[in-house]
């Protein structure tokens, strides 16, 4: 596995990352459709966190 990573080009890495991010976004969308109340609560927690976060 270390050999594959060593020979991986930046383009390969971007493609793999894009594929992962698409799958992640799709999984989040499915979860949000299945559990809307949980998704709403998570959005509210995130909003509170962002409002109270101090740089």
Protein backbone atom coordinates (compact mmCIF):
# COMPACT_ATOMS: atom_id res chain seq x y z
CA UNK A 1 0.00 0.00 0.00
CA UNK A 2 2.86 2.39 0.74
CA UNK A 3 4.18 1.72 -2.76
CA UNK A 4 0.86 2.79 -4.31
CA UNK A 5 0.84 6.03 -2.33
CA UNK A 6 4.42 6.82 -3.30
CA UNK A 7 3.59 6.51 -7.02
CA UNK A 8 0.29 8.39 -6.79
CA UNK A 9 0.20 11.57 -8.86
CA UNK A 10 -1.49 14.75 -7.65
CA UNK A 11 -4.20 14.21 -10.29
CA UNK A 12 -4.88 10.70 -8.92
CA UNK A 13 -5.09 12.09 -5.43
CA UNK A 14 -7.55 14.81 -6.53
CA UNK A 15 -9.72 12.23 -8.31
CA UNK A 16 -9.73 9.97 -5.26
CA UNK A 17 -10.53 12.92 -2.99
CA UNK A 18 -13.34 14.10 -5.29
CA UNK A 19 -14.82 10.61 -5.32
CA UNK A 20 -14.66 10.44 -1.52
CA UNK A 21 -16.23 13.89 -1.07
CA UNK A 22 -19.07 13.04 -3.49
CA UNK A 23 -19.81 9.85 -1.56
CA UNK A 24 -19.65 11.75 1.74
CA UNK A 25 -22.07 14.44 0.53
CA UNK A 26 -24.43 11.78 -0.83
CA UNK A 27 -24.35 9.92 2.50
CA UNK A 28 -25.10 13.15 4.38
CA UNK A 29 -28.01 13.92 2.06
CA UNK A 30 -29.48 10.45 2.58
CA UNK A 31 -29.08 10.76 6.36
CA UNK A 32 -30.74 14.17 6.33
CA UNK A 33 -33.72 12.79 4.39
CA UNK A 34 -34.07 9.79 6.69
CA UNK A 35 -33.65 11.70 9.98
CA UNK A 36 -34.80 15.30 9.35
CA UNK A 37 -35.17 16.17 13.04
CA UNK A 38 -31.63 15.02 13.78
CA UNK A 39 -30.36 16.99 10.77
CA UNK A 40 -32.15 20.13 11.97
CA UNK A 41 -30.70 19.76 15.46
CA UNK A 42 -27.21 19.34 13.98
CA UNK A 43 -27.68 22.50 11.89
CA UNK A 44 -28.77 24.42 14.99
CA UNK A 45 -25.77 23.18 17.01
CA UNK A 46 -23.45 24.16 14.17
CA UNK A 47 -25.01 27.63 13.91
CA UNK A 48 -24.63 28.19 17.65
CA UNK A 49 -21.04 26.99 17.51
CA UNK A 50 -20.23 29.36 14.63
CA UNK A 51 -21.96 32.29 16.36
CA UNK A 52 -20.11 31.78 19.62
CA UNK A 53 -16.74 30.78 18.16
CA UNK A 54 -14.01 33.27 18.90
CA UNK A 55 -11.02 33.67 16.60
